[in-house]
Amino acid sequence: MCVKASAPAKYRALDYTEVCGISAIYIEIRGQDFDEPLGTLVYLVEAGNGEAIEIPERHLEPYE
Protein backbone atom coordinates (compact mmCIF):
# COMPACT_ATOMS: atom_id res chain seq x y z
CA MET A 1 0.00 0.00 0.00
CA CYS A 2 1.05 3.58 -0.61
CA VAL A 3 0.03 6.68 1.29
CA LYS A 4 -2.03 8.98 -0.94
CA ALA A 5 -0.54 12.36 -1.78
CA SER A 6 -3.75 13.93 -0.41
CA ALA A 7 -3.30 12.29 3.02
CA PRO A 8 -2.48 14.49 6.03
CA ALA A 9 1.25 15.17 6.46
CA LYS A 10 1.40 13.04 9.62
CA TYR A 11 0.72 9.97 7.45
CA ARG A 12 3.14 10.96 4.67
CA ALA A 13 6.15 11.52 6.95
CA LEU A 14 7.95 8.31 6.00
CA ASP A 15 8.17 6.01 3.02
CA TYR A 16 5.93 3.19 4.26
CA THR A 17 6.46 -0.08 2.52
CA GLU A 18 4.75 -2.97 4.27
CA VAL A 19 1.34 -3.70 5.78
CA CYS A 20 1.82 -5.49 9.11
CA GLY A 21 -1.77 -5.62 10.29
CA ILE A 22 -5.35 -4.51 9.73
CA SER A 23 -7.99 -3.72 12.33
CA ALA A 24 -11.41 -2.10 12.38
CA ILE A 25 -12.49 0.83 14.50
CA TYR A 26 -15.20 -0.58 16.73
CA ILE A 27 -14.94 1.70 19.78
CA GLU A 28 -16.05 5.32 19.49
CA ILE A 29 -13.03 6.75 21.31
CA ARG A 30 -10.67 5.01 18.86
CA GLY A 31 -12.65 6.51 16.00
CA GLN A 32 -12.18 9.93 17.56
CA ASP A 33 -8.41 9.35 17.71
CA PHE A 34 -8.39 8.99 13.91
CA ASP A 35 -11.38 11.27 13.19
CA GLU A 36 -12.99 8.28 11.46
CA PRO A 37 -16.39 6.55 11.83
CA LEU A 38 -16.95 3.15 13.40
CA GLY A 39 -16.20 0.31 11.00
CA THR A 40 -13.29 2.08 9.30
CA LEU A 41 -10.32 -0.17 8.58
CA VAL A 42 -6.97 0.98 9.97
CA TYR A 43 -3.74 -0.41 8.55
CA LEU A 44 -0.56 -0.83 10.55
CA VAL A 45 2.21 -0.05 8.07
CA GLU A 46 5.96 -0.23 8.59
CA ALA A 47 8.73 1.77 6.97
CA GLY A 48 12.04 0.31 5.88
CA ASN A 49 13.69 1.76 9.01
CA GLY A 50 11.32 -0.24 11.27
CA GLU A 51 9.08 2.66 12.31
CA ALA A 52 5.38 1.78 12.20
CA ILE A 53 2.19 3.85 12.16
CA GLU A 54 -1.55 3.19 11.89
CA ILE A 55 -3.25 4.81 8.89
CA PRO A 56 -6.99 4.83 8.08
CA GLU A 57 -7.87 3.04 4.85
CA ARG A 58 -9.07 6.16 3.02
CA HIS A 59 -5.52 7.57 3.09
CA LEU A 60 -4.02 4.52 1.36
CA GLU A 61 -4.03 3.20 -2.17
CA PRO A 62 -2.72 -0.01 -3.74
CA TYR A 63 0.91 0.03 -4.81
CA GLU A 64 1.27 -0.29 -8.57
PDB file of N, CA and C in Angstrom:
ATOM      1  N   MET A   1       0.838  -1.176   0.000  1.00  0.00           N
ATOM      2  CA  MET A   1       0.000   0.000   0.000  1.00  0.00           C
ATOM      3  C   MET A   1       0.883   1.238   0.000  1.00  0.00           C
ATOM      4  N   CYS A   2       0.364   2.289  -0.587  1.00  0.00           N
ATOM      5  CA  CYS A   2       1.050   3.580  -0.610  1.00  0.00           C
ATOM      6  C   CYS A   2       0.152   4.621   0.049  1.00  0.00           C
ATOM      7  N   VAL A   3       0.775   5.572   0.703  1.00  0.00           N
ATOM      8  CA  VAL A   3       0.029   6.679   1.291  1.00  0.00           C
ATOM      9  C   VAL A   3      -0.314   7.649   0.171  1.00  0.00           C
ATOM     10  N   LYS A   4      -1.593   8.046   0.095  1.00  0.00           N
ATOM     11  CA  LYS A   4      -2.034   8.984  -0.938  1.00  0.00           C
ATOM     12  C   LYS A   4      -1.376  10.342  -0.742  1.00  0.00           C
ATOM     13  N   ALA A   5      -1.120  11.023  -1.834  1.00  0.00           N
ATOM     14  CA  ALA A   5      -0.540  12.364  -1.784  1.00  0.00           C
ATOM     15  C   ALA A   5      -1.465  13.333  -1.059  1.00  0.00           C
ATOM     16  N   SER A   6      -2.767  13.058  -1.060  1.00  0.00           N
ATOM     17  CA  SER A   6      -3.750  13.927  -0.414  1.00  0.00           C
ATOM     18  C   SER A   6      -3.906  13.655   1.080  1.00  0.00           C
ATOM     19  N   ALA A   7      -3.217  12.641   1.596  1.00  0.00           N
ATOM     20  CA  ALA A   7      -3.304  12.288   3.021  1.00  0.00           C
ATOM     21  C   ALA A   7      -2.659  13.375   3.874  1.00  0.00           C
ATOM     22  N   PRO A   8      -3.117  13.522   5.123  1.00  0.00           N
ATOM     23  CA  PRO A   8      -2.480  14.488   6.025  1.00  0.00           C
ATOM     24  C   PRO A   8      -0.974  14.210   6.153  1.00  0.00           C
ATOM     25  N   ALA A   9      -0.215  15.260   6.376  1.00  0.00           N
ATOM     26  CA  ALA A   9       1.246  15.169   6.456  1.00  0.00           C
ATOM     27  C   ALA A   9       1.714  14.147   7.483  1.00  0.00           C
ATOM     28  N   LYS A  10       0.974  13.989   8.578  1.00  0.00           N
ATOM     29  CA  LYS A  10       1.402  13.041   9.621  1.00  0.00           C
ATOM     30  C   LYS A  10       1.455  11.605   9.095  1.00  0.00           C
ATOM     31  N   TYR A  11       0.704  11.309   8.041  1.00  0.00           N
ATOM     32  CA  TYR A  11       0.722   9.972   7.455  1.00  0.00           C
ATOM     33  C   TYR A  11       1.730   9.855   6.317  1.00  0.00           C
ATOM     34  N   ARG A  12       2.198  10.975   5.793  1.00  0.00           N
ATOM     35  CA  ARG A  12       3.138  10.963   4.671  1.00  0.00           C
ATOM     36  C   ARG A  12       4.578  11.177   5.116  1.00  0.00           C
ATOM     37  N   ALA A  13       4.835  11.175   6.404  1.00  0.00           N
ATOM     38  CA  ALA A  13       6.151  11.522   6.947  1.00  0.00           C
ATOM     39  C   ALA A  13       7.263  10.556   6.527  1.00  0.00           C
ATOM     40  N   LEU A  14       6.947   9.293   6.367  1.00  0.00           N
ATOM     41  CA  LEU A  14       7.955   8.306   5.996  1.00  0.00           C
ATOM     42  C   LEU A  14       7.524   7.552   4.744  1.00  0.00           C
ATOM     43  N   ASP A  15       8.454   6.843   4.175  1.00  0.00           N
ATOM     44  CA  ASP A  15       8.172   6.007   3.016  1.00  0.00           C
ATOM     45  C   ASP A  15       7.739   4.631   3.519  1.00  0.00           C
ATOM     46  N   TYR A  16       6.445   4.453   3.728  1.00  0.00           N
ATOM     47  CA  TYR A  16       5.931   3.195   4.263  1.00  0.00           C
ATOM     48  C   TYR A  16       5.907   2.131   3.178  1.00  0.00           C
ATOM     49  N   THR A  17       6.297   0.945   3.548  1.00  0.00           N
ATOM     50  CA  THR A  17       6.464  -0.076   2.524  1.00  0.00           C
ATOM     51  C   THR A  17       5.706  -1.376   2.769  1.00  0.00           C
ATOM     52  N   GLU A  18       5.302  -1.649   3.982  1.00  0.00           N
ATOM     53  CA  GLU A  18       4.752  -2.974   4.266  1.00  0.00           C
ATOM     54  C   GLU A  18       3.574  -2.893   5.226  1.00  0.00           C
ATOM     55  N   VAL A  19       2.492  -3.600   4.882  1.00  0.00           N
ATOM     56  CA  VAL A  19       1.340  -3.697   5.783  1.00  0.00           C
ATOM     57  C   VAL A  19       1.621  -4.824   6.765  1.00  0.00           C
ATOM     58  N   CYS A  20       1.541  -4.503   8.055  1.00  0.00           N
ATOM     59  CA  CYS A  20       1.823  -5.486   9.106  1.00  0.00           C
ATOM     60  C   CYS A  20       0.561  -5.977   9.796  1.00  0.00           C
ATOM     61  N   GLY A  21      -0.536  -5.225   9.653  1.00  0.00           N
ATOM     62  CA  GLY A  21      -1.772  -5.624  10.292  1.00  0.00           C
ATOM     63  C   GLY A  21      -2.926  -4.741   9.864  1.00  0.00           C
ATOM     64  N   ILE A  22      -4.126  -5.242  10.060  1.00  0.00           N
ATOM     65  CA  ILE A  22      -5.349  -4.506   9.729  1.00  0.00           C
ATOM     66  C   ILE A  22      -6.326  -4.710  10.877  1.00  0.00           C
ATOM     67  N   SER A  23      -6.952  -3.614  11.304  1.00  0.00           N
ATOM     68  CA  SER A  23      -7.986  -3.719  12.330  1.00  0.00           C
ATOM     69  C   SER A  23      -9.122  -2.766  11.969  1.00  0.00           C
ATOM     70  N   ALA A  24     -10.251  -2.971  12.603  1.00  0.00           N
ATOM     71  CA  ALA A  24     -11.412  -2.105  12.380  1.00  0.00           C
ATOM     72  C   ALA A  24     -11.641  -1.252  13.620  1.00  0.00           C
ATOM     73  N   ILE A  25     -12.114  -0.045  13.383  1.00  0.00           N
ATOM     74  CA  ILE A  25     -12.491   0.826  14.498  1.00  0.00           C
ATOM     75  C   ILE A  25     -13.863   0.371  14.979  1.00  0.00           C
ATOM     76  N   TYR A  26     -13.927  -0.108  16.199  1.00  0.00           N
ATOM     77  CA  TYR A  26     -15.201  -0.578  16.734  1.00  0.00           C
ATOM     78  C   TYR A  26     -15.546   0.062  18.074  1.00  0.00           C
ATOM     79  N   ILE A  27     -14.682   0.948  18.548  1.00  0.00           N
ATOM     80  CA  ILE A  27     -14.941   1.697  19.778  1.00  0.00           C
ATOM     81  C   ILE A  27     -14.907   3.179  19.431  1.00  0.00           C
ATOM     82  N   GLU A  28     -15.901   3.911  19.874  1.00  0.00           N
ATOM     83  CA  GLU A  28     -16.047   5.317  19.495  1.00  0.00           C
ATOM     84  C   GLU A  28     -14.809   6.155  19.806  1.00  0.00           C
ATOM     85  N   ILE A  29     -14.193   5.943  20.954  1.00  0.00           N
ATOM     86  CA  ILE A  29     -13.027   6.754  21.312  1.00  0.00           C
ATOM     87  C   ILE A  29     -11.859   6.517  20.350  1.00  0.00           C
ATOM     88  N   ARG A  30     -11.727   5.289  19.858  1.00  0.00           N
ATOM     89  CA  ARG A  30     -10.673   5.007  18.860  1.00  0.00           C
ATOM     90  C   ARG A  30     -10.996   5.720  17.548  1.00  0.00           C
ATOM     91  N   GLY A  31     -12.246   5.772  17.193  1.00  0.00           N
ATOM     92  CA  GLY A  31     -12.650   6.513  16.001  1.00  0.00           C
ATOM     93  C   GLY A  31     -12.336   7.988  16.129  1.00  0.00           C
ATOM     94  N   GLN A  32     -12.500   8.524  17.325  1.00  0.00           N
ATOM     95  CA  GLN A  32     -12.180   9.927  17.560  1.00  0.00           C
ATOM     96  C   GLN A  32     -10.679  10.173  17.429  1.00  0.00           C
ATOM     97  N   ASP A  33      -9.863   9.213  17.842  1.00  0.00           N
ATOM     98  CA  ASP A  33      -8.408   9.351  17.710  1.00  0.00           C
ATOM     99  C   ASP A  33      -7.996   9.556  16.253  1.00  0.00           C
ATOM    100  N   PHE A  34      -8.705   8.910  15.338  1.00  0.00           N
ATOM    101  CA  PHE A  34      -8.387   8.988  13.911  1.00  0.00           C
ATOM    102  C   PHE A  34      -9.328   9.927  13.157  1.00  0.00           C
ATOM    103  N   ASP A  35     -10.343  10.461  13.834  1.00  0.00           N
ATOM    104  CA  ASP A  35     -11.380  11.270  13.189  1.00  0.00           C
ATOM    105  C   ASP A  35     -12.047  10.464  12.068  1.00  0.00           C
ATOM    106  N   GLU A  36     -12.393   9.214  12.407  1.00  0.00           N
ATOM    107  CA  GLU A  36     -12.995   8.282  11.457  1.00  0.00           C
ATOM    108  C   GLU A  36     -14.210   7.615  12.094  1.00  0.00           C
ATOM    109  N   PRO A  37     -15.201   7.212  11.290  1.00  0.00           N
ATOM    110  CA  PRO A  37     -16.388   6.553  11.832  1.00  0.00           C
ATOM    111  C   PRO A  37     -16.122   5.099  12.226  1.00  0.00           C
ATOM    112  N   LEU A  38     -17.017   4.566  13.035  1.00  0.00           N
ATOM    113  CA  LEU A  38     -16.952   3.148  13.402  1.00  0.00           C
ATOM    114  C   LEU A  38     -16.987   2.294  12.142  1.00  0.00           C
ATOM    115  N   GLY A  39     -16.251   1.211  12.144  1.00  0.00           N
ATOM    116  CA  GLY A  39     -16.204   0.309  11.003  1.00  0.00           C
ATOM    117  C   GLY A  39     -15.068   0.593  10.033  1.00  0.00           C
ATOM    118  N   THR A  40     -14.413   1.737  10.175  1.00  0.00           N
ATOM    119  CA  THR A  40     -13.288   2.079   9.304  1.00  0.00           C
ATOM    120  C   THR A  40     -12.132   1.109   9.533  1.00  0.00           C
ATOM    121  N   LEU A  41     -11.510   0.671   8.455  1.00  0.00           N
ATOM    122  CA  LEU A  41     -10.324  -0.167   8.577  1.00  0.00           C
ATOM    123  C   LEU A  41      -9.103   0.713   8.779  1.00  0.00           C
ATOM    124  N   VAL A  42      -8.222   0.275   9.677  1.00  0.00           N
ATOM    125  CA  VAL A  42      -6.974   0.982   9.971  1.00  0.00           C
ATOM    126  C   VAL A  42      -5.835  -0.004   9.709  1.00  0.00           C
ATOM    127  N   TYR A  43      -4.880   0.433   8.919  1.00  0.00           N
ATOM    128  CA  TYR A  43      -3.741  -0.408   8.548  1.00  0.00           C
ATOM    129  C   TYR A  43      -2.523  -0.026   9.369  1.00  0.00           C
ATOM    130  N   LEU A  44      -1.842  -1.029   9.899  1.00  0.00           N
ATOM    131  CA  LEU A  44      -0.558  -0.826  10.551  1.00  0.00           C
ATOM    132  C   LEU A  44       0.490  -1.039   9.460  1.00  0.00           C
ATOM    133  N   VAL A  45       1.210   0.040   9.123  1.00  0.00           N
ATOM    134  CA  VAL A  45       2.215  -0.052   8.070  1.00  0.00           C
ATOM    135  C   VAL A  45       3.588   0.255   8.651  1.00  0.00           C
ATOM    136  N   GLU A  46       4.597  -0.374   8.079  1.00  0.00           N
ATOM    137  CA  GLU A  46       5.959  -0.233   8.593  1.00  0.00           C
ATOM    138  C   GLU A  46       6.885   0.286   7.503  1.00  0.00           C
ATOM    139  N   ALA A  47       7.737   1.224   7.877  1.00  0.00           N
ATOM    140  CA  ALA A  47       8.734   1.774   6.968  1.00  0.00           C
ATOM    141  C   ALA A  47       9.965   0.879   6.963  1.00  0.00           C
ATOM    142  N   GLY A  48      10.823   1.089   5.991  1.00  0.00           N
ATOM    143  CA  GLY A  48      12.044   0.312   5.879  1.00  0.00           C
ATOM    144  C   GLY A  48      12.952   0.433   7.091  1.00  0.00           C
ATOM    145  N   ASN A  49      12.840   1.556   7.835  1.00  0.00           N
ATOM    146  CA  ASN A  49      13.689   1.755   9.014  1.00  0.00           C
ATOM    147  C   ASN A  49      13.091   1.119  10.271  1.00  0.00           C
ATOM    148  N   GLY A  50      11.944   0.443  10.142  1.00  0.00           N
ATOM    149  CA  GLY A  50      11.322  -0.243  11.271  1.00  0.00           C
ATOM    150  C   GLY A  50      10.261   0.558  11.988  1.00  0.00           C
ATOM    151  N   GLU A  51      10.123   1.844  11.677  1.00  0.00           N
ATOM    152  CA  GLU A  51       9.082   2.658  12.312  1.00  0.00           C
ATOM    153  C   GLU A  51       7.724   2.255  11.754  1.00  0.00           C
ATOM    154  N   ALA A  52       6.715   2.186  12.620  1.00  0.00           N
ATOM    155  CA  ALA A  52       5.377   1.780  12.205  1.00  0.00           C
ATOM    156  C   ALA A  52       4.355   2.830  12.633  1.00  0.00           C
ATOM    157  N   ILE A  53       3.269   2.911  11.869  1.00  0.00           N
ATOM    158  CA  ILE A  53       2.189   3.847  12.164  1.00  0.00           C
ATOM    159  C   ILE A  53       0.878   3.244  11.675  1.00  0.00           C
ATOM    160  N   GLU A  54      -0.226   3.614  12.328  1.00  0.00           N
ATOM    161  CA  GLU A  54      -1.552   3.188  11.888  1.00  0.00           C
ATOM    162  C   GLU A  54      -2.139   4.283  11.004  1.00  0.00           C
ATOM    163  N   ILE A  55      -2.693   3.865   9.864  1.00  0.00           N
ATOM    164  CA  ILE A  55      -3.247   4.806   8.889  1.00  0.00           C
ATOM    165  C   ILE A  55      -4.638   4.329   8.473  1.00  0.00           C
ATOM    166  N   PRO A  56      -5.662   5.200   8.550  1.00  0.00           N
ATOM    167  CA  PRO A  56      -6.990   4.830   8.083  1.00  0.00           C
ATOM    168  C   PRO A  56      -6.978   4.496   6.583  1.00  0.00           C
ATOM    169  N   GLU A  57      -7.822   3.565   6.208  1.00  0.00           N
ATOM    170  CA  GLU A  57      -7.867   3.038   4.852  1.00  0.00           C
ATOM    171  C   GLU A  57      -8.030   4.126   3.789  1.00  0.00           C
ATOM    172  N   ARG A  58      -8.804   5.147   4.049  1.00  0.00           N
ATOM    173  CA  ARG A  58      -9.075   6.163   3.024  1.00  0.00           C
ATOM    174  C   ARG A  58      -7.831   6.953   2.618  1.00  0.00           C
ATOM    175  N   HIS A  59      -6.761   6.855   3.408  1.00  0.00           N
ATOM    176  CA  HIS A  59      -5.524   7.570   3.093  1.00  0.00           C
ATOM    177  C   HIS A  59      -4.502   6.680   2.387  1.00  0.00           C
ATOM    178  N   LEU A  60      -4.920   5.467   2.019  1.00  0.00           N
ATOM    179  CA  LEU A  60      -4.023   4.516   1.361  1.00  0.00           C
ATOM    180  C   LEU A  60      -4.556   4.143  -0.003  1.00  0.00           C
ATOM    181  N   GLU A  61      -3.651   3.708  -0.863  1.00  0.00           N
ATOM    182  CA  GLU A  61      -4.035   3.199  -2.171  1.00  0.00           C
ATOM    183  C   GLU A  61      -3.107   2.036  -2.508  1.00  0.00           C
ATOM    184  N   PRO A  62      -3.561   1.132  -3.371  1.00  0.00           N
ATOM    185  CA  PRO A  62      -2.719  -0.006  -3.737  1.00  0.00           C
ATOM    186  C   PRO A  62      -1.437   0.459  -4.423  1.00  0.00           C
ATOM    187  N   TYR A  63      -0.365  -0.240  -4.159  1.00  0.00           N
ATOM    188  CA  TYR A  63       0.908   0.034  -4.812  1.00  0.00           C
ATOM    189  C   TYR A  63       0.881  -0.556  -6.205  1.00  0.00           C
ATOM    190  N   GLU A  64       1.270   0.216  -7.189  1.00  0.00           N
ATOM    191  CA  GLU A  64       1.269  -0.290  -8.572  1.00  0.00           C
ATOM    192  C   GLU A  64       2.652  -0.225  -9.149  1.00  0.00           C
TER     193      GLU A  64
END
